[in-house]
N, C-alpha and C. Protein backbone atom coordinates (compact mmCIF):
# COMPACT_ATOMS: atom_id res chain seq x y z
N MET A 1 -17.76 -9.72 -3.95
CA MET A 1 -16.46 -9.54 -3.31
C MET A 1 -16.29 -10.54 -2.18
N THR A 2 -15.14 -11.19 -2.16
CA THR A 2 -14.79 -12.10 -1.07
C THR A 2 -13.61 -11.52 -0.30
N ILE A 3 -13.73 -11.47 1.01
CA ILE A 3 -12.63 -11.02 1.87
C ILE A 3 -12.19 -12.20 2.71
N THR A 4 -10.92 -12.57 2.59
CA THR A 4 -10.38 -13.69 3.35
C THR A 4 -9.34 -13.17 4.33
N VAL A 5 -9.47 -13.57 5.60
CA VAL A 5 -8.55 -13.13 6.63
C VAL A 5 -7.65 -14.30 7.03
N TYR A 6 -6.36 -14.08 6.98
CA TYR A 6 -5.38 -15.09 7.39
C TYR A 6 -4.66 -14.59 8.65
N GLN A 7 -4.25 -15.50 9.50
CA GLN A 7 -3.52 -15.15 10.71
C GLN A 7 -2.02 -15.37 10.52
N GLY A 8 -1.25 -14.28 10.56
CA GLY A 8 0.20 -14.39 10.61
C GLY A 8 0.94 -14.48 9.30
N ASP A 9 0.31 -14.94 8.23
CA ASP A 9 1.00 -15.05 6.94
C ASP A 9 0.01 -15.45 5.86
N LEU A 10 0.41 -15.28 4.61
CA LEU A 10 -0.36 -15.80 3.48
C LEU A 10 -0.23 -17.32 3.43
N PRO A 11 -1.23 -18.02 2.93
CA PRO A 11 -1.12 -19.48 2.83
C PRO A 11 -0.14 -19.88 1.73
N ASP A 12 0.42 -21.05 1.84
CA ASP A 12 1.31 -21.58 0.81
C ASP A 12 0.55 -21.71 -0.51
N GLY A 13 1.20 -21.35 -1.60
CA GLY A 13 0.64 -21.58 -2.92
C GLY A 13 -0.35 -20.55 -3.42
N LEU A 14 -0.63 -19.50 -2.64
CA LEU A 14 -1.58 -18.47 -3.09
C LEU A 14 -0.94 -17.65 -4.22
N ASP A 15 -1.59 -17.62 -5.38
CA ASP A 15 -1.09 -16.91 -6.55
C ASP A 15 -1.92 -15.65 -6.76
N LEU A 16 -1.29 -14.50 -6.60
CA LEU A 16 -1.99 -13.23 -6.78
C LEU A 16 -1.59 -12.53 -8.08
N GLY A 17 -0.92 -13.26 -8.96
CA GLY A 17 -0.61 -12.72 -10.28
C GLY A 17 0.64 -11.86 -10.30
N SER A 18 0.82 -11.14 -11.40
CA SER A 18 2.04 -10.36 -11.61
C SER A 18 1.93 -8.92 -11.16
N MET A 19 0.73 -8.53 -10.67
CA MET A 19 0.54 -7.17 -10.18
C MET A 19 -0.46 -7.22 -9.03
N VAL A 20 0.01 -6.88 -7.83
CA VAL A 20 -0.83 -7.02 -6.64
C VAL A 20 -0.91 -5.68 -5.90
N ALA A 21 -2.12 -5.30 -5.53
CA ALA A 21 -2.33 -4.10 -4.74
C ALA A 21 -2.09 -4.42 -3.28
N VAL A 22 -1.41 -3.52 -2.57
CA VAL A 22 -1.02 -3.76 -1.18
C VAL A 22 -1.30 -2.52 -0.34
N ASP A 23 -1.72 -2.74 0.90
CA ASP A 23 -1.86 -1.64 1.86
C ASP A 23 -1.59 -2.20 3.24
N THR A 24 -1.34 -1.32 4.20
CA THR A 24 -1.10 -1.76 5.58
C THR A 24 -1.97 -0.95 6.54
N GLU A 25 -2.30 -1.58 7.67
CA GLU A 25 -2.95 -0.89 8.77
C GLU A 25 -2.06 -1.07 10.00
N THR A 26 -1.80 0.03 10.70
CA THR A 26 -0.94 0.01 11.87
C THR A 26 -1.67 0.63 13.06
N MET A 27 -1.04 0.57 14.22
CA MET A 27 -1.65 1.15 15.41
C MET A 27 -1.62 2.68 15.39
N GLY A 28 -0.82 3.26 14.53
CA GLY A 28 -0.71 4.71 14.42
C GLY A 28 0.20 5.05 13.27
N LEU A 29 0.66 6.29 13.22
CA LEU A 29 1.42 6.76 12.08
C LEU A 29 2.92 6.87 12.33
N ARG A 30 3.39 6.45 13.51
CA ARG A 30 4.81 6.45 13.80
C ARG A 30 5.32 5.02 13.70
N THR A 31 6.06 4.76 12.65
CA THR A 31 6.41 3.38 12.32
C THR A 31 7.19 2.68 13.43
N HIS A 32 8.13 3.37 14.05
CA HIS A 32 8.93 2.73 15.09
C HIS A 32 8.11 2.43 16.35
N ARG A 33 7.07 3.21 16.59
CA ARG A 33 6.25 3.04 17.79
C ARG A 33 5.04 2.16 17.55
N ASP A 34 4.41 2.31 16.40
CA ASP A 34 3.08 1.75 16.17
C ASP A 34 3.17 0.50 15.29
N ARG A 35 2.91 -0.64 15.88
CA ARG A 35 3.14 -1.92 15.20
C ARG A 35 2.22 -2.14 14.00
N LEU A 36 2.69 -3.00 13.13
CA LEU A 36 1.91 -3.43 11.98
C LEU A 36 0.82 -4.40 12.43
N CYS A 37 -0.41 -4.15 12.02
CA CYS A 37 -1.54 -4.98 12.43
C CYS A 37 -2.12 -5.81 11.28
N VAL A 38 -2.25 -5.20 10.11
CA VAL A 38 -2.89 -5.86 8.97
C VAL A 38 -2.17 -5.49 7.68
N VAL A 39 -2.01 -6.47 6.81
CA VAL A 39 -1.57 -6.21 5.44
C VAL A 39 -2.67 -6.74 4.53
N GLN A 40 -3.18 -5.89 3.66
CA GLN A 40 -4.23 -6.31 2.75
C GLN A 40 -3.72 -6.32 1.31
N LEU A 41 -4.20 -7.28 0.55
CA LEU A 41 -3.74 -7.48 -0.82
C LEU A 41 -4.92 -7.80 -1.73
N SER A 42 -4.77 -7.44 -3.02
CA SER A 42 -5.76 -7.82 -4.02
C SER A 42 -5.07 -7.96 -5.37
N SER A 43 -5.48 -8.94 -6.13
CA SER A 43 -4.93 -9.15 -7.47
C SER A 43 -5.69 -8.34 -8.52
N GLY A 44 -6.68 -7.57 -8.07
CA GLY A 44 -7.48 -6.78 -9.00
C GLY A 44 -8.71 -7.50 -9.50
N ASP A 45 -9.02 -8.65 -8.88
CA ASP A 45 -10.17 -9.45 -9.31
C ASP A 45 -11.43 -9.17 -8.50
N GLY A 46 -11.39 -8.14 -7.66
CA GLY A 46 -12.55 -7.80 -6.84
C GLY A 46 -12.56 -8.47 -5.48
N ASN A 47 -11.54 -9.28 -5.19
CA ASN A 47 -11.44 -9.96 -3.90
C ASN A 47 -10.23 -9.43 -3.13
N ALA A 48 -10.29 -9.57 -1.80
CA ALA A 48 -9.22 -9.07 -0.95
C ALA A 48 -8.73 -10.15 0.00
N HIS A 49 -7.44 -10.12 0.28
CA HIS A 49 -6.80 -11.06 1.20
C HIS A 49 -6.16 -10.24 2.31
N LEU A 50 -6.54 -10.50 3.55
CA LEU A 50 -6.05 -9.74 4.69
C LEU A 50 -5.19 -10.64 5.58
N VAL A 51 -3.97 -10.19 5.87
CA VAL A 51 -3.09 -10.89 6.79
C VAL A 51 -3.09 -10.12 8.10
N GLN A 52 -3.55 -10.75 9.18
CA GLN A 52 -3.63 -10.09 10.47
C GLN A 52 -2.52 -10.57 11.39
N PHE A 53 -1.88 -9.61 12.06
CA PHE A 53 -0.82 -9.93 13.02
C PHE A 53 -1.32 -9.61 14.43
N GLN A 54 -1.30 -10.61 15.30
CA GLN A 54 -1.77 -10.43 16.66
C GLN A 54 -0.68 -9.82 17.54
N ALA A 55 -1.08 -9.08 18.54
CA ALA A 55 -0.15 -8.45 19.47
C ALA A 55 0.71 -9.52 20.14
N GLY A 56 2.02 -9.29 20.17
CA GLY A 56 2.93 -10.20 20.84
C GLY A 56 3.36 -11.39 20.01
N ALA A 57 2.76 -11.58 18.85
CA ALA A 57 3.06 -12.76 18.02
C ALA A 57 4.16 -12.49 17.00
N GLY A 58 4.53 -11.22 16.82
CA GLY A 58 5.54 -10.90 15.81
C GLY A 58 4.96 -10.93 14.41
N CYS A 59 5.81 -10.65 13.44
CA CYS A 59 5.37 -10.58 12.04
C CYS A 59 6.25 -11.46 11.16
N HIS A 60 6.56 -12.65 11.64
CA HIS A 60 7.33 -13.58 10.81
C HIS A 60 6.38 -14.18 9.77
N ALA A 61 6.50 -13.66 8.55
CA ALA A 61 5.57 -14.04 7.48
C ALA A 61 6.36 -14.32 6.21
N PRO A 62 7.00 -15.47 6.11
CA PRO A 62 7.88 -15.75 4.96
C PRO A 62 7.19 -15.72 3.61
N ASN A 63 5.94 -16.16 3.55
CA ASN A 63 5.23 -16.13 2.26
C ASN A 63 4.94 -14.70 1.82
N LEU A 64 4.52 -13.87 2.77
CA LEU A 64 4.27 -12.46 2.47
C LEU A 64 5.57 -11.76 2.09
N LYS A 65 6.63 -12.02 2.82
CA LYS A 65 7.93 -11.42 2.53
C LYS A 65 8.41 -11.82 1.13
N ARG A 66 8.25 -13.08 0.80
CA ARG A 66 8.67 -13.56 -0.51
C ARG A 66 7.91 -12.85 -1.63
N LEU A 67 6.62 -12.65 -1.44
CA LEU A 67 5.81 -11.95 -2.44
C LEU A 67 6.25 -10.50 -2.58
N MET A 68 6.48 -9.82 -1.45
CA MET A 68 6.88 -8.42 -1.49
C MET A 68 8.23 -8.24 -2.18
N GLU A 69 9.10 -9.23 -2.10
CA GLU A 69 10.43 -9.12 -2.68
C GLU A 69 10.55 -9.76 -4.06
N ASP A 70 9.47 -10.33 -4.56
CA ASP A 70 9.50 -11.00 -5.86
C ASP A 70 9.69 -9.96 -6.98
N PRO A 71 10.80 -10.01 -7.70
CA PRO A 71 11.05 -9.00 -8.74
C PRO A 71 10.10 -9.10 -9.93
N LYS A 72 9.37 -10.20 -10.04
CA LYS A 72 8.45 -10.37 -11.17
C LYS A 72 7.04 -9.90 -10.85
N VAL A 73 6.81 -9.47 -9.61
CA VAL A 73 5.48 -9.02 -9.19
C VAL A 73 5.53 -7.53 -8.85
N LEU A 74 4.76 -6.73 -9.57
CA LEU A 74 4.67 -5.30 -9.27
C LEU A 74 3.69 -5.09 -8.12
N LYS A 75 4.14 -4.34 -7.11
CA LYS A 75 3.29 -4.05 -5.96
C LYS A 75 2.73 -2.63 -6.07
N LEU A 76 1.40 -2.52 -6.07
CA LEU A 76 0.72 -1.23 -6.17
C LEU A 76 0.36 -0.72 -4.79
N PHE A 77 0.67 0.53 -4.52
CA PHE A 77 0.35 1.15 -3.23
C PHE A 77 -0.30 2.50 -3.46
N HIS A 78 -0.94 3.01 -2.42
CA HIS A 78 -1.31 4.41 -2.37
C HIS A 78 -0.61 5.00 -1.15
N PHE A 79 0.34 5.89 -1.39
CA PHE A 79 1.29 6.40 -0.39
C PHE A 79 2.21 5.27 0.04
N ALA A 80 2.97 4.78 -0.92
CA ALA A 80 3.87 3.65 -0.71
C ALA A 80 4.91 3.92 0.35
N ARG A 81 5.33 5.15 0.48
CA ARG A 81 6.40 5.50 1.43
C ARG A 81 6.12 4.96 2.83
N PHE A 82 4.91 5.12 3.31
CA PHE A 82 4.55 4.65 4.65
C PHE A 82 4.51 3.13 4.70
N ASP A 83 3.86 2.52 3.73
CA ASP A 83 3.69 1.07 3.74
C ASP A 83 5.03 0.35 3.58
N LEU A 84 5.91 0.87 2.74
CA LEU A 84 7.21 0.24 2.54
C LEU A 84 8.02 0.24 3.83
N ALA A 85 7.95 1.34 4.59
CA ALA A 85 8.67 1.40 5.86
C ALA A 85 8.11 0.40 6.86
N ALA A 86 6.78 0.29 6.93
CA ALA A 86 6.16 -0.66 7.86
C ALA A 86 6.51 -2.10 7.49
N LEU A 87 6.47 -2.41 6.20
CA LEU A 87 6.79 -3.77 5.76
C LEU A 87 8.26 -4.11 6.02
N LYS A 88 9.14 -3.11 5.86
CA LYS A 88 10.56 -3.34 6.11
C LYS A 88 10.81 -3.56 7.59
N LYS A 89 10.25 -2.71 8.44
CA LYS A 89 10.53 -2.80 9.87
C LYS A 89 9.94 -4.06 10.49
N TYR A 90 8.72 -4.41 10.13
CA TYR A 90 8.03 -5.49 10.84
C TYR A 90 8.11 -6.84 10.14
N VAL A 91 8.06 -6.86 8.83
CA VAL A 91 8.11 -8.12 8.09
C VAL A 91 9.54 -8.40 7.60
N GLY A 92 10.36 -7.35 7.54
CA GLY A 92 11.72 -7.50 7.03
C GLY A 92 11.79 -7.55 5.53
N ALA A 93 10.74 -7.09 4.86
CA ALA A 93 10.65 -7.18 3.41
C ALA A 93 11.23 -5.95 2.73
N ALA A 94 12.17 -6.16 1.82
CA ALA A 94 12.68 -5.09 0.96
C ALA A 94 11.80 -5.06 -0.29
N THR A 95 10.66 -4.43 -0.17
CA THR A 95 9.62 -4.50 -1.18
C THR A 95 10.02 -3.80 -2.48
N ALA A 96 9.90 -4.50 -3.59
CA ALA A 96 10.20 -3.96 -4.92
C ALA A 96 9.79 -5.02 -5.94
N PRO A 97 9.46 -4.58 -7.17
CA PRO A 97 9.27 -3.20 -7.62
C PRO A 97 7.92 -2.65 -7.14
N VAL A 98 7.81 -1.31 -7.14
CA VAL A 98 6.60 -0.69 -6.60
C VAL A 98 6.05 0.36 -7.55
N TYR A 99 4.77 0.66 -7.33
CA TYR A 99 4.06 1.74 -8.05
C TYR A 99 3.20 2.42 -7.01
N CYS A 100 3.19 3.75 -7.00
CA CYS A 100 2.40 4.49 -6.01
C CYS A 100 1.40 5.40 -6.71
N THR A 101 0.12 5.15 -6.47
CA THR A 101 -0.92 5.96 -7.13
C THR A 101 -0.92 7.40 -6.62
N ARG A 102 -0.56 7.61 -5.35
CA ARG A 102 -0.51 8.97 -4.83
C ARG A 102 0.63 9.76 -5.49
N THR A 103 1.79 9.13 -5.64
CA THR A 103 2.91 9.79 -6.30
C THR A 103 2.56 10.10 -7.75
N ALA A 104 1.94 9.14 -8.44
CA ALA A 104 1.54 9.36 -9.83
C ALA A 104 0.56 10.51 -9.93
N SER A 105 -0.40 10.56 -9.00
CA SER A 105 -1.39 11.62 -9.01
C SER A 105 -0.74 12.99 -8.83
N LYS A 106 0.22 13.08 -7.91
CA LYS A 106 0.88 14.36 -7.67
C LYS A 106 1.72 14.81 -8.86
N LEU A 107 2.22 13.85 -9.61
CA LEU A 107 3.02 14.20 -10.78
C LEU A 107 2.17 14.69 -11.95
N VAL A 108 0.97 14.15 -12.07
CA VAL A 108 0.20 14.43 -13.29
C VAL A 108 -1.07 15.23 -13.05
N ARG A 109 -1.61 15.20 -11.82
CA ARG A 109 -2.84 15.96 -11.52
C ARG A 109 -2.47 17.24 -10.78
N THR A 110 -1.66 18.05 -11.43
CA THR A 110 -1.14 19.27 -10.81
C THR A 110 -2.18 20.38 -10.70
N PHE A 111 -3.37 20.13 -11.22
CA PHE A 111 -4.46 21.10 -11.18
C PHE A 111 -5.25 21.01 -9.87
N THR A 112 -4.89 20.08 -8.97
CA THR A 112 -5.63 19.90 -7.73
C THR A 112 -4.68 19.52 -6.61
N ASP A 113 -5.13 19.71 -5.37
CA ASP A 113 -4.37 19.25 -4.21
C ASP A 113 -5.05 18.04 -3.57
N ARG A 114 -6.03 17.46 -4.26
CA ARG A 114 -6.76 16.31 -3.74
C ARG A 114 -6.16 15.02 -4.31
N HIS A 115 -5.30 14.41 -3.53
CA HIS A 115 -4.62 13.20 -3.98
C HIS A 115 -4.88 12.01 -3.06
N GLY A 116 -5.85 12.12 -2.16
CA GLY A 116 -6.21 11.00 -1.30
C GLY A 116 -6.87 9.89 -2.09
N LEU A 117 -6.84 8.69 -1.53
CA LEU A 117 -7.43 7.54 -2.23
C LEU A 117 -8.91 7.76 -2.49
N LYS A 118 -9.61 8.29 -1.51
CA LYS A 118 -11.05 8.55 -1.68
C LYS A 118 -11.29 9.51 -2.84
N ASP A 119 -10.46 10.56 -2.93
CA ASP A 119 -10.60 11.53 -4.01
C ASP A 119 -10.32 10.90 -5.37
N LEU A 120 -9.26 10.10 -5.45
CA LEU A 120 -8.91 9.48 -6.73
C LEU A 120 -9.99 8.51 -7.19
N CYS A 121 -10.50 7.70 -6.25
CA CYS A 121 -11.55 6.75 -6.63
C CYS A 121 -12.79 7.47 -7.16
N ARG A 122 -13.16 8.56 -6.51
CA ARG A 122 -14.35 9.30 -6.94
C ARG A 122 -14.12 10.01 -8.27
N GLU A 123 -12.98 10.68 -8.41
CA GLU A 123 -12.76 11.53 -9.57
C GLU A 123 -12.28 10.78 -10.81
N LEU A 124 -11.56 9.67 -10.62
CA LEU A 124 -10.99 8.97 -11.77
C LEU A 124 -11.80 7.77 -12.23
N ILE A 125 -12.45 7.07 -11.28
CA ILE A 125 -13.18 5.86 -11.69
C ILE A 125 -14.63 5.85 -11.20
N GLY A 126 -15.08 6.96 -10.60
CA GLY A 126 -16.48 7.08 -10.20
C GLY A 126 -16.91 6.14 -9.10
N VAL A 127 -16.00 5.82 -8.18
CA VAL A 127 -16.31 4.92 -7.07
C VAL A 127 -16.23 5.69 -5.76
N GLU A 128 -17.24 5.57 -4.93
CA GLU A 128 -17.23 6.20 -3.61
C GLU A 128 -16.80 5.17 -2.57
N ILE A 129 -15.75 5.50 -1.81
CA ILE A 129 -15.32 4.63 -0.73
C ILE A 129 -15.41 5.38 0.59
N SER A 130 -15.63 4.65 1.67
CA SER A 130 -15.76 5.25 3.00
C SER A 130 -14.43 5.14 3.74
N LYS A 131 -14.07 6.21 4.46
CA LYS A 131 -12.86 6.20 5.29
C LYS A 131 -13.23 6.19 6.78
N GLN A 132 -14.45 5.75 7.09
CA GLN A 132 -14.96 5.84 8.45
C GLN A 132 -14.14 5.00 9.44
N GLU A 133 -13.60 3.87 9.00
CA GLU A 133 -12.87 2.99 9.91
C GLU A 133 -11.37 3.29 9.96
N GLN A 134 -10.94 4.36 9.32
CA GLN A 134 -9.52 4.65 9.22
C GLN A 134 -8.83 4.73 10.58
N SER A 135 -9.52 5.32 11.56
CA SER A 135 -8.92 5.53 12.87
C SER A 135 -9.41 4.52 13.91
N SER A 136 -9.87 3.38 13.49
CA SER A 136 -10.35 2.37 14.43
C SER A 136 -9.18 1.57 15.00
N ASP A 137 -9.45 0.69 15.95
CA ASP A 137 -8.41 -0.09 16.63
C ASP A 137 -8.04 -1.30 15.78
N TRP A 138 -6.99 -1.14 14.99
CA TRP A 138 -6.57 -2.23 14.11
C TRP A 138 -5.81 -3.32 14.85
N GLY A 139 -5.48 -3.08 16.11
CA GLY A 139 -4.80 -4.09 16.89
C GLY A 139 -5.72 -5.02 17.65
N ALA A 140 -7.02 -4.85 17.48
CA ALA A 140 -7.99 -5.71 18.16
C ALA A 140 -7.80 -7.17 17.73
N PRO A 141 -8.05 -8.12 18.64
CA PRO A 141 -7.85 -9.54 18.29
C PRO A 141 -8.67 -10.01 17.10
N LYS A 142 -9.86 -9.44 16.92
CA LYS A 142 -10.73 -9.84 15.81
C LYS A 142 -11.19 -8.60 15.06
N LEU A 143 -11.02 -8.62 13.75
CA LEU A 143 -11.45 -7.50 12.92
C LEU A 143 -12.96 -7.53 12.74
N THR A 144 -13.59 -6.37 12.88
CA THR A 144 -15.03 -6.29 12.64
C THR A 144 -15.31 -6.38 11.15
N GLU A 145 -16.54 -6.63 10.80
CA GLU A 145 -16.92 -6.68 9.38
C GLU A 145 -16.66 -5.33 8.72
N ALA A 146 -16.93 -4.23 9.46
CA ALA A 146 -16.69 -2.90 8.92
C ALA A 146 -15.21 -2.67 8.66
N GLN A 147 -14.36 -3.13 9.57
CA GLN A 147 -12.92 -3.00 9.37
C GLN A 147 -12.46 -3.80 8.16
N GLN A 148 -12.97 -4.99 8.02
CA GLN A 148 -12.59 -5.82 6.88
C GLN A 148 -12.97 -5.15 5.56
N LYS A 149 -14.17 -4.59 5.49
CA LYS A 149 -14.62 -3.93 4.27
C LYS A 149 -13.79 -2.69 3.98
N TYR A 150 -13.46 -1.94 5.03
CA TYR A 150 -12.62 -0.76 4.85
C TYR A 150 -11.24 -1.16 4.34
N ALA A 151 -10.63 -2.16 4.97
CA ALA A 151 -9.30 -2.62 4.57
C ALA A 151 -9.32 -3.09 3.12
N ALA A 152 -10.36 -3.81 2.74
CA ALA A 152 -10.47 -4.28 1.36
C ALA A 152 -10.58 -3.12 0.37
N SER A 153 -11.33 -2.09 0.73
CA SER A 153 -11.54 -0.97 -0.19
C SER A 153 -10.24 -0.24 -0.51
N ASP A 154 -9.25 -0.36 0.38
CA ASP A 154 -7.97 0.31 0.15
C ASP A 154 -7.14 -0.36 -0.95
N VAL A 155 -7.48 -1.59 -1.33
CA VAL A 155 -6.71 -2.27 -2.36
C VAL A 155 -7.52 -2.69 -3.58
N LEU A 156 -8.83 -2.67 -3.48
CA LEU A 156 -9.67 -3.20 -4.56
C LEU A 156 -9.61 -2.38 -5.85
N TYR A 157 -9.26 -1.08 -5.75
CA TYR A 157 -9.38 -0.21 -6.92
C TYR A 157 -8.04 0.30 -7.44
N LEU A 158 -6.93 -0.14 -6.85
CA LEU A 158 -5.64 0.40 -7.25
C LEU A 158 -5.26 0.02 -8.68
N HIS A 159 -5.66 -1.16 -9.12
CA HIS A 159 -5.38 -1.55 -10.51
C HIS A 159 -6.08 -0.60 -11.49
N GLN A 160 -7.34 -0.28 -11.21
CA GLN A 160 -8.09 0.63 -12.08
C GLN A 160 -7.48 2.03 -12.06
N LEU A 161 -7.09 2.48 -10.87
CA LEU A 161 -6.48 3.81 -10.76
C LEU A 161 -5.17 3.87 -11.53
N LYS A 162 -4.37 2.83 -11.43
CA LYS A 162 -3.10 2.79 -12.17
C LYS A 162 -3.33 2.93 -13.67
N ALA A 163 -4.33 2.24 -14.19
CA ALA A 163 -4.61 2.31 -15.63
C ALA A 163 -4.93 3.74 -16.07
N VAL A 164 -5.74 4.44 -15.28
CA VAL A 164 -6.10 5.82 -15.62
C VAL A 164 -4.89 6.74 -15.48
N LEU A 165 -4.16 6.61 -14.37
CA LEU A 165 -3.01 7.48 -14.12
C LEU A 165 -1.91 7.24 -15.15
N ASP A 166 -1.71 5.99 -15.55
CA ASP A 166 -0.71 5.71 -16.59
C ASP A 166 -1.03 6.44 -17.88
N GLY A 167 -2.31 6.45 -18.25
CA GLY A 167 -2.71 7.18 -19.44
C GLY A 167 -2.40 8.66 -19.35
N MET A 168 -2.62 9.24 -18.18
CA MET A 168 -2.34 10.66 -17.98
C MET A 168 -0.84 10.93 -17.97
N LEU A 169 -0.07 10.02 -17.36
CA LEU A 169 1.38 10.19 -17.33
C LEU A 169 1.98 10.13 -18.74
N VAL A 170 1.49 9.21 -19.55
CA VAL A 170 1.96 9.11 -20.93
C VAL A 170 1.57 10.37 -21.70
N ARG A 171 0.33 10.80 -21.52
CA ARG A 171 -0.17 11.99 -22.22
C ARG A 171 0.68 13.23 -21.93
N GLU A 172 1.09 13.37 -20.66
CA GLU A 172 1.83 14.55 -20.25
C GLU A 172 3.35 14.37 -20.33
N GLY A 173 3.80 13.21 -20.82
CA GLY A 173 5.23 12.99 -20.99
C GLY A 173 5.99 12.83 -19.69
N ARG A 174 5.34 12.27 -18.67
CA ARG A 174 5.98 12.16 -17.35
C ARG A 174 6.12 10.73 -16.86
N MET A 175 5.96 9.77 -17.73
CA MET A 175 6.05 8.37 -17.30
C MET A 175 7.46 8.02 -16.83
N ALA A 176 8.48 8.46 -17.55
CA ALA A 176 9.86 8.15 -17.16
C ALA A 176 10.18 8.78 -15.80
N LEU A 177 9.71 10.00 -15.58
CA LEU A 177 9.93 10.66 -14.29
C LEU A 177 9.20 9.92 -13.18
N ALA A 178 7.99 9.47 -13.46
CA ALA A 178 7.22 8.71 -12.47
C ALA A 178 7.94 7.43 -12.11
N GLN A 179 8.48 6.71 -13.10
CA GLN A 179 9.18 5.47 -12.84
C GLN A 179 10.41 5.71 -11.98
N ALA A 180 11.12 6.80 -12.22
CA ALA A 180 12.28 7.14 -11.41
C ALA A 180 11.86 7.39 -9.96
N CYS A 181 10.73 8.02 -9.78
CA CYS A 181 10.21 8.26 -8.43
C CYS A 181 9.83 6.95 -7.75
N PHE A 182 9.16 6.06 -8.49
CA PHE A 182 8.78 4.76 -7.92
C PHE A 182 10.02 3.97 -7.51
N ASP A 183 11.05 4.02 -8.34
CA ASP A 183 12.28 3.28 -8.05
C ASP A 183 12.96 3.82 -6.79
N PHE A 184 12.77 5.11 -6.51
CA PHE A 184 13.40 5.73 -5.35
C PHE A 184 12.63 5.50 -4.05
N LEU A 185 11.37 5.14 -4.15
CA LEU A 185 10.53 5.03 -2.95
C LEU A 185 11.09 4.11 -1.86
N PRO A 186 11.64 2.92 -2.18
CA PRO A 186 12.24 2.11 -1.11
C PRO A 186 13.34 2.85 -0.37
N ALA A 187 14.14 3.64 -1.09
CA ALA A 187 15.19 4.42 -0.43
C ALA A 187 14.58 5.53 0.44
N ARG A 188 13.50 6.13 -0.04
CA ARG A 188 12.83 7.17 0.76
C ARG A 188 12.28 6.57 2.06
N ALA A 189 11.72 5.37 1.99
CA ALA A 189 11.23 4.68 3.18
C ALA A 189 12.38 4.33 4.11
N ALA A 190 13.52 3.93 3.54
CA ALA A 190 14.70 3.61 4.35
C ALA A 190 15.20 4.85 5.07
N LEU A 191 15.16 6.02 4.43
CA LEU A 191 15.53 7.27 5.07
C LEU A 191 14.60 7.56 6.25
N ASP A 192 13.32 7.30 6.08
CA ASP A 192 12.37 7.49 7.19
C ASP A 192 12.76 6.64 8.38
N LEU A 193 13.05 5.38 8.13
CA LEU A 193 13.40 4.46 9.21
C LEU A 193 14.73 4.81 9.85
N ALA A 194 15.63 5.41 9.08
CA ALA A 194 16.96 5.73 9.59
C ALA A 194 17.05 7.07 10.30
N GLY A 195 15.93 7.82 10.30
CA GLY A 195 15.93 9.07 11.07
C GLY A 195 15.84 10.34 10.28
N TRP A 196 15.53 10.25 8.99
CA TRP A 196 15.36 11.44 8.15
C TRP A 196 13.92 11.51 7.63
N PRO A 197 12.91 11.54 8.51
CA PRO A 197 11.53 11.52 8.03
C PRO A 197 11.06 12.82 7.39
N GLU A 198 11.57 13.95 7.85
CA GLU A 198 11.10 15.25 7.36
C GLU A 198 12.16 16.00 6.55
N GLU A 199 13.40 15.82 6.91
CA GLU A 199 14.47 16.60 6.28
C GLU A 199 14.66 16.18 4.83
N ASP A 200 14.75 17.17 3.95
CA ASP A 200 15.05 16.94 2.55
C ASP A 200 16.57 16.98 2.39
N ILE A 201 17.18 15.80 2.24
CA ILE A 201 18.63 15.76 2.20
C ILE A 201 19.19 16.35 0.90
N PHE A 202 18.31 16.62 -0.05
CA PHE A 202 18.76 17.23 -1.31
C PHE A 202 18.70 18.76 -1.26
N ALA A 203 18.08 19.30 -0.22
CA ALA A 203 17.97 20.75 -0.11
C ALA A 203 19.32 21.36 0.26
N HIS A 204 19.51 22.64 -0.06
CA HIS A 204 20.78 23.33 0.24
C HIS A 204 20.99 23.41 1.75
């Protein structure tokens, strides 16, 4: 595995293929308050690319934005709702099309309430990942080796998880419903940013 860290944006000409796994690390869980610190990506080849944003430098990343908005590239997330909001607020990216492994899991693995990335990796593909660095300081000027490995682990296995979850969705006849949910996720993230984070606007 190779982990490459870039400052401020992806390099010109980097080709990550037609399906790229994406995750974000922020200073906290409140998008308007807690700035975007790292965006990690993987093409599914076992390598990870990390884009780090330094405090005060902003998130002007035209290459990353272009990739997130490329209609020919499917972006894989785990809990896309959060990442899409962060990418929209800080990078200005209207990310699409998207696939969310957590959403897929909730649609098809109704026999369990364990839908975290760690749970999916262990139960679906037999991989153990550590979440020890989840609450570390992602805004630090330099990422530690442990942080880099943690960030990479969040994107290295999403392609494999998608393959397994797709098989289950087809088996249970829920692929069309899953696709409708994926298509709605950018709007759900927009609702979060606009002030409807908890309220279900479809409820009576």
